[in-house]
Each structure stands twice: as structure tokens, then as C-alpha cells.
Amino acid sequence: MPVEIIDAEKFVEMSARAKYCAVKRLKSLVKLKLRTPGKLYTLKVESGKAEETIKKLKCEIKEV
């Protein structure tokens, strides 16, 4: 089961050990899915804040 993260800064820190981050764009939200060796972590952010968060990630980014 995926684990939902609420804090964007914690999500960015976890991206250092992730394989990739999948970006799924919905109508008003953007869902970021971080695949680590052990688990899948998700973060829901508003469209405006999503671009800032995506630029900070330290892993491969895949658009879904």
C-alpha cells in the first residue's frame, strides 16, 4: 500500500534515495508518486506549487 506524505519538504528529502518520481496531473491537483526500493510514497499538491516541488526533486521524473 502507498504511504501518503503531507509535508513537501520531507518528500523532497526522500527523493534522494528514490528510483523515480511519477507525475500525474489532474484537474486542480498534481499527484507525485515517489518509488523507493521499499515503498511507494505519494504527495498531492496544487498545480501552482507542483512545479516548484518538481524542480527540487533529486531523482528521475516521469510524466504519466
PDB file of N, CA and C in Angstrom:
ATOM      1  N   MET A   1       0.830  -1.188   0.000  1.00  0.00           N
ATOM      2  CA  MET A   1       0.000   0.000   0.000  1.00  0.00           C
ATOM      3  C   MET A   1       0.872   1.249   0.000  1.00  0.00           C
ATOM      4  N   PRO A   2       0.516   2.250  -0.787  1.00  0.00           N
ATOM      5  CA  PRO A   2       1.282   3.501  -0.790  1.00  0.00           C
ATOM      6  C   PRO A   2       1.084   4.279   0.511  1.00  0.00           C
ATOM      7  N   VAL A   3       2.080   5.065   0.839  1.00  0.00           N
ATOM      8  CA  VAL A   3       2.027   5.912   2.028  1.00  0.00           C
ATOM      9  C   VAL A   3       1.915   7.356   1.559  1.00  0.00           C
ATOM     10  N   GLU A   4       0.895   8.079   2.061  1.00  0.00           N
ATOM     11  CA  GLU A   4       0.717   9.471   1.656  1.00  0.00           C
ATOM     12  C   GLU A   4       1.508  10.381   2.588  1.00  0.00           C
ATOM     13  N   ILE A   5       2.312  11.244   1.985  1.00  0.00           N
ATOM     14  CA  ILE A   5       3.115  12.222   2.711  1.00  0.00           C
ATOM     15  C   ILE A   5       2.401  13.569   2.600  1.00  0.00           C
ATOM     16  N   ILE A   6       2.373  14.316   3.693  1.00  0.00           N
ATOM     17  CA  ILE A   6       1.707  15.622   3.688  1.00  0.00           C
ATOM     18  C   ILE A   6       2.720  16.753   3.522  1.00  0.00           C
ATOM     19  N   ASP A   7       3.924  16.580   4.047  1.00  0.00           N
ATOM     20  CA  ASP A   7       4.942  17.623   4.020  1.00  0.00           C
ATOM     21  C   ASP A   7       5.780  17.530   2.739  1.00  0.00           C
ATOM     22  N   ALA A   8       5.778  18.600   1.938  1.00  0.00           N
ATOM     23  CA  ALA A   8       6.502  18.603   0.670  1.00  0.00           C
ATOM     24  C   ALA A   8       8.018  18.558   0.886  1.00  0.00           C
ATOM     25  N   GLU A   9       8.522  19.201   1.923  1.00  0.00           N
ATOM     26  CA  GLU A   9       9.970  19.201   2.187  1.00  0.00           C
ATOM     27  C   GLU A   9      10.467  17.795   2.522  1.00  0.00           C
ATOM     28  N   LYS A  10       9.695  17.048   3.289  1.00  0.00           N
ATOM     29  CA  LYS A  10      10.059  15.667   3.612  1.00  0.00           C
ATOM     30  C   LYS A  10      10.060  14.815   2.337  1.00  0.00           C
ATOM     31  N   PHE A  11       9.109  15.080   1.450  1.00  0.00           N
ATOM     32  CA  PHE A  11       9.008  14.362   0.182  1.00  0.00           C
ATOM     33  C   PHE A  11      10.257  14.609  -0.666  1.00  0.00           C
ATOM     34  N   VAL A  12      10.730  15.850  -0.701  1.00  0.00           N
ATOM     35  CA  VAL A  12      11.929  16.203  -1.469  1.00  0.00           C
ATOM     36  C   VAL A  12      13.154  15.500  -0.885  1.00  0.00           C
ATOM     37  N   GLU A  13      13.263  15.432   0.435  1.00  0.00           N
ATOM     38  CA  GLU A  13      14.388  14.741   1.080  1.00  0.00           C
ATOM     39  C   GLU A  13      14.383  13.262   0.720  1.00  0.00           C
ATOM     40  N   MET A  14      13.204  12.651   0.687  1.00  0.00           N
ATOM     41  CA  MET A  14      13.103  11.225   0.379  1.00  0.00           C
ATOM     42  C   MET A  14      13.449  10.931  -1.076  1.00  0.00           C
ATOM     43  N   SER A  15      13.362  11.929  -1.947  1.00  0.00           N
ATOM     44  CA  SER A  15      13.631  11.705  -3.364  1.00  0.00           C
ATOM     45  C   SER A  15      15.103  11.378  -3.632  1.00  0.00           C
ATOM     46  N   ALA A  16      15.987  11.666  -2.692  1.00  0.00           N
ATOM     47  CA  ALA A  16      17.408  11.367  -2.879  1.00  0.00           C
ATOM     48  C   ALA A  16      17.662   9.860  -2.986  1.00  0.00           C
ATOM     49  N   ARG A  17      16.831   9.056  -2.341  1.00  0.00           N
ATOM     50  CA  ARG A  17      17.040   7.600  -2.391  1.00  0.00           C
ATOM     51  C   ARG A  17      15.998   6.883  -3.252  1.00  0.00           C
ATOM     52  N   ALA A  18      15.257   7.639  -4.060  1.00  0.00           N
ATOM     53  CA  ALA A  18      14.207   7.058  -4.895  1.00  0.00           C
ATOM     54  C   ALA A  18      14.731   6.705  -6.284  1.00  0.00           C
ATOM     55  N   LYS A  19      14.068   5.760  -6.920  1.00  0.00           N
ATOM     56  CA  LYS A  19      14.407   5.383  -8.286  1.00  0.00           C
ATOM     57  C   LYS A  19      13.861   6.413  -9.270  1.00  0.00           C
ATOM     58  N   TYR A  20      12.596   6.803  -9.087  1.00  0.00           N
ATOM     59  CA  TYR A  20      11.980   7.792  -9.966  1.00  0.00           C
ATOM     60  C   TYR A  20      10.780   8.421  -9.277  1.00  0.00           C
ATOM     61  N   CYS A  21      10.285   9.496  -9.867  1.00  0.00           N
ATOM     62  CA  CYS A  21       9.073  10.159  -9.397  1.00  0.00           C
ATOM     63  C   CYS A  21       8.114  10.267 -10.578  1.00  0.00           C
ATOM     64  N   ALA A  22       6.931   9.705 -10.423  1.00  0.00           N
ATOM     65  CA  ALA A  22       5.908   9.789 -11.465  1.00  0.00           C
ATOM     66  C   ALA A  22       5.012  10.985 -11.169  1.00  0.00           C
ATOM     67  N   VAL A  23       4.730  11.786 -12.189  1.00  0.00           N
ATOM     68  CA  VAL A  23       3.909  12.982 -12.039  1.00  0.00           C
ATOM     69  C   VAL A  23       2.597  12.757 -12.782  1.00  0.00           C
ATOM     70  N   LYS A  24       1.490  12.800 -12.048  1.00  0.00           N
ATOM     71  CA  LYS A  24       0.169  12.630 -12.647  1.00  0.00           C
ATOM     72  C   LYS A  24      -0.597  13.936 -12.445  1.00  0.00           C
ATOM     73  N   ARG A  25      -0.934  14.587 -13.547  1.00  0.00           N
ATOM     74  CA  ARG A  25      -1.622  15.879 -13.488  1.00  0.00           C
ATOM     75  C   ARG A  25      -3.132  15.668 -13.596  1.00  0.00           C
ATOM     76  N   LEU A  26      -3.857  16.101 -12.565  1.00  0.00           N
ATOM     77  CA  LEU A  26      -5.310  16.041 -12.541  1.00  0.00           C
ATOM     78  C   LEU A  26      -5.850  17.448 -12.799  1.00  0.00           C
ATOM     79  N   LYS A  27      -7.139  17.671 -12.675  1.00  0.00           N
ATOM     80  CA  LYS A  27      -7.723  18.981 -12.986  1.00  0.00           C
ATOM     81  C   LYS A  27      -7.154  20.093 -12.111  1.00  0.00           C
ATOM     82  N   SER A  28      -7.266  19.967 -10.805  1.00  0.00           N
ATOM     83  CA  SER A  28      -6.801  21.030  -9.910  1.00  0.00           C
ATOM     84  C   SER A  28      -5.608  20.611  -9.068  1.00  0.00           C
ATOM     85  N   LEU A  29      -5.271  19.345  -9.083  1.00  0.00           N
ATOM     86  CA  LEU A  29      -4.163  18.827  -8.277  1.00  0.00           C
ATOM     87  C   LEU A  29      -3.123  18.155  -9.152  1.00  0.00           C
ATOM     88  N   VAL A  30      -1.938  18.007  -8.576  1.00  0.00           N
ATOM     89  CA  VAL A  30      -0.885  17.203  -9.188  1.00  0.00           C
ATOM     90  C   VAL A  30      -0.494  16.160  -8.160  1.00  0.00           C
ATOM     91  N   LYS A  31      -0.486  14.908  -8.573  1.00  0.00           N
ATOM     92  CA  LYS A  31      -0.113  13.824  -7.667  1.00  0.00           C
ATOM     93  C   LYS A  31       1.298  13.373  -8.024  1.00  0.00           C
ATOM     94  N   LEU A  32       2.181  13.394  -7.045  1.00  0.00           N
ATOM     95  CA  LEU A  32       3.561  12.950  -7.225  1.00  0.00           C
ATOM     96  C   LEU A  32       3.714  11.601  -6.545  1.00  0.00           C
ATOM     97  N   LYS A  33       4.257  10.642  -7.270  1.00  0.00           N
ATOM     98  CA  LYS A  33       4.450   9.292  -6.742  1.00  0.00           C
ATOM     99  C   LYS A  33       5.938   8.977  -6.738  1.00  0.00           C
ATOM    100  N   LEU A  34       6.480   8.737  -5.567  1.00  0.00           N
ATOM    101  CA  LEU A  34       7.907   8.515  -5.390  1.00  0.00           C
ATOM    102  C   LEU A  34       8.159   7.030  -5.153  1.00  0.00           C
ATOM    103  N   ARG A  35       8.902   6.389  -6.053  1.00  0.00           N
ATOM    104  CA  ARG A  35       9.173   4.955  -5.949  1.00  0.00           C
ATOM    105  C   ARG A  35      10.532   4.741  -5.298  1.00  0.00           C
ATOM    106  N   THR A  36      10.527   4.227  -4.091  1.00  0.00           N
ATOM    107  CA  THR A  36      11.762   3.877  -3.395  1.00  0.00           C
ATOM    108  C   THR A  36      11.897   2.361  -3.415  1.00  0.00           C
ATOM    109  N   PRO A  37      13.052   1.824  -3.040  1.00  0.00           N
ATOM    110  CA  PRO A  37      13.194   0.372  -3.065  1.00  0.00           C
ATOM    111  C   PRO A  37      12.174  -0.378  -2.204  1.00  0.00           C
ATOM    112  N   GLY A  38      11.715   0.232  -1.117  1.00  0.00           N
ATOM    113  CA  GLY A  38      10.803  -0.466  -0.217  1.00  0.00           C
ATOM    114  C   GLY A  38       9.339  -0.121  -0.379  1.00  0.00           C
ATOM    115  N   LYS A  39       9.035   1.143  -0.666  1.00  0.00           N
ATOM    116  CA  LYS A  39       7.642   1.586  -0.682  1.00  0.00           C
ATOM    117  C   LYS A  39       7.381   2.604  -1.780  1.00  0.00           C
ATOM    118  N   LEU A  40       6.099   2.904  -1.947  1.00  0.00           N
ATOM    119  CA  LEU A  40       5.644   3.954  -2.848  1.00  0.00           C
ATOM    120  C   LEU A  40       5.066   5.068  -1.983  1.00  0.00           C
ATOM    121  N   TYR A  41       5.576   6.279  -2.158  1.00  0.00           N
ATOM    122  CA  TYR A  41       5.100   7.430  -1.402  1.00  0.00           C
ATOM    123  C   TYR A  41       4.391   8.375  -2.359  1.00  0.00           C
ATOM    124  N   THR A  42       3.278   8.967  -1.906  1.00  0.00           N
ATOM    125  CA  THR A  42       2.532   9.891  -2.733  1.00  0.00           C
ATOM    126  C   THR A  42       2.412  11.249  -2.039  1.00  0.00           C
ATOM    127  N   LEU A  43       2.286  12.275  -2.851  1.00  0.00           N
ATOM    128  CA  LEU A  43       2.091  13.639  -2.366  1.00  0.00           C
ATOM    129  C   LEU A  43       1.119  14.334  -3.307  1.00  0.00           C
ATOM    130  N   LYS A  44       0.075  14.952  -2.751  1.00  0.00           N
ATOM    131  CA  LYS A  44      -0.883  15.717  -3.543  1.00  0.00           C
ATOM    132  C   LYS A  44      -0.623  17.191  -3.286  1.00  0.00           C
ATOM    133  N   VAL A  45      -0.399  17.954  -4.356  1.00  0.00           N
ATOM    134  CA  VAL A  45      -0.169  19.394  -4.240  1.00  0.00           C
ATOM    135  C   VAL A  45      -0.983  20.134  -5.294  1.00  0.00           C
ATOM    136  N   GLU A  46      -1.174  21.422  -5.060  1.00  0.00           N
ATOM    137  CA  GLU A  46      -1.878  22.262  -6.019  1.00  0.00           C
ATOM    138  C   GLU A  46      -0.994  22.459  -7.248  1.00  0.00           C
ATOM    139  N   SER A  47      -1.609  22.754  -8.366  1.00  0.00           N
ATOM    140  CA  SER A  47      -0.874  22.896  -9.625  1.00  0.00           C
ATOM    141  C   SER A  47       0.219  23.955  -9.544  1.00  0.00           C
ATOM    142  N   GLY A  48      -0.045  25.065  -8.895  1.00  0.00           N
ATOM    143  CA  GLY A  48       0.935  26.147  -8.803  1.00  0.00           C
ATOM    144  C   GLY A  48       2.174  25.762  -8.010  1.00  0.00           C
ATOM    145  N   LYS A  49       1.997  25.044  -6.923  1.00  0.00           N
ATOM    146  CA  LYS A  49       3.122  24.648  -6.069  1.00  0.00           C
ATOM    147  C   LYS A  49       3.857  23.422  -6.611  1.00  0.00           C
ATOM    148  N   ALA A  50       3.215  22.701  -7.510  1.00  0.00           N
ATOM    149  CA  ALA A  50       3.795  21.452  -8.012  1.00  0.00           C
ATOM    150  C   ALA A  50       5.088  21.691  -8.777  1.00  0.00           C
ATOM    151  N   GLU A  51       5.120  22.731  -9.616  1.00  0.00           N
ATOM    152  CA  GLU A  51       6.319  22.988 -10.426  1.00  0.00           C
ATOM    153  C   GLU A  51       7.527  23.286  -9.543  1.00  0.00           C
ATOM    154  N   GLU A  52       7.325  24.025  -8.470  1.00  0.00           N
ATOM    155  CA  GLU A  52       8.420  24.322  -7.542  1.00  0.00           C
ATOM    156  C   GLU A  52       8.939  23.043  -6.896  1.00  0.00           C
ATOM    157  N   THR A  53       8.021  22.175  -6.497  1.00  0.00           N
ATOM    158  CA  THR A  53       8.399  20.923  -5.848  1.00  0.00           C
ATOM    159  C   THR A  53       9.123  20.006  -6.826  1.00  0.00           C
ATOM    160  N   ILE A  54       8.649  19.924  -8.061  1.00  0.00           N
ATOM    161  CA  ILE A  54       9.262  19.048  -9.061  1.00  0.00           C
ATOM    162  C   ILE A  54      10.699  19.481  -9.354  1.00  0.00           C
ATOM    163  N   LYS A  55      10.957  20.785  -9.381  1.00  0.00           N
ATOM    164  CA  LYS A  55      12.311  21.280  -9.645  1.00  0.00           C
ATOM    165  C   LYS A  55      13.287  20.906  -8.544  1.00  0.00           C
ATOM    166  N   LYS A  56      12.801  20.701  -7.324  1.00  0.00           N
ATOM    167  CA  LYS A  56      13.668  20.367  -6.184  1.00  0.00           C
ATOM    168  C   LYS A  56      13.999  18.879  -6.095  1.00  0.00           C
ATOM    169  N   LEU A  57      13.256  18.031  -6.803  1.00  0.00           N
ATOM    170  CA  LEU A  57      13.446  16.580  -6.689  1.00  0.00           C
ATOM    171  C   LEU A  57      14.814  16.156  -7.199  1.00  0.00           C
ATOM    172  N   LYS A  58      15.364  15.117  -6.573  1.00  0.00           N
ATOM    173  CA  LYS A  58      16.719  14.664  -6.874  1.00  0.00           C
ATOM    174  C   LYS A  58      16.731  13.301  -7.571  1.00  0.00           C
ATOM    175  N   CYS A  59      15.652  12.968  -8.295  1.00  0.00           N
ATOM    176  CA  CYS A  59      15.597  11.686  -8.977  1.00  0.00           C
ATOM    177  C   CYS A  59      14.997  11.897 -10.357  1.00  0.00           C
ATOM    178  N   GLU A  60      14.928  10.816 -11.132  1.00  0.00           N
ATOM    179  CA  GLU A  60      14.344  10.864 -12.468  1.00  0.00           C
ATOM    180  C   GLU A  60      12.861  11.188 -12.375  1.00  0.00           C
ATOM    181  N   ILE A  61      12.362  11.996 -13.293  1.00  0.00           N
ATOM    182  CA  ILE A  61      10.959  12.399 -13.292  1.00  0.00           C
ATOM    183  C   ILE A  61      10.274  11.839 -14.531  1.00  0.00           C
ATOM    184  N   LYS A  62       9.159  11.140 -14.313  1.00  0.00           N
ATOM    185  CA  LYS A  62       8.383  10.561 -15.407  1.00  0.00           C
ATOM    186  C   LYS A  62       6.993  11.170 -15.396  1.00  0.00           C
ATOM    187  N   GLU A  63       6.554  11.698 -16.535  1.00  0.00           N
ATOM    188  CA  GLU A  63       5.185  12.212 -16.667  1.00  0.00           C
ATOM    189  C   GLU A  63       4.262  11.046 -17.009  1.00  0.00           C
ATOM    190  N   VAL A  64       3.148  10.958 -16.301  1.00  0.00           N
ATOM    191  CA  VAL A  64       2.178   9.879 -16.529  1.00  0.00           C
ATOM    192  C   VAL A  64       0.957  10.442 -17.208  1.00  0.00           C
TER     193      VAL A  64
END
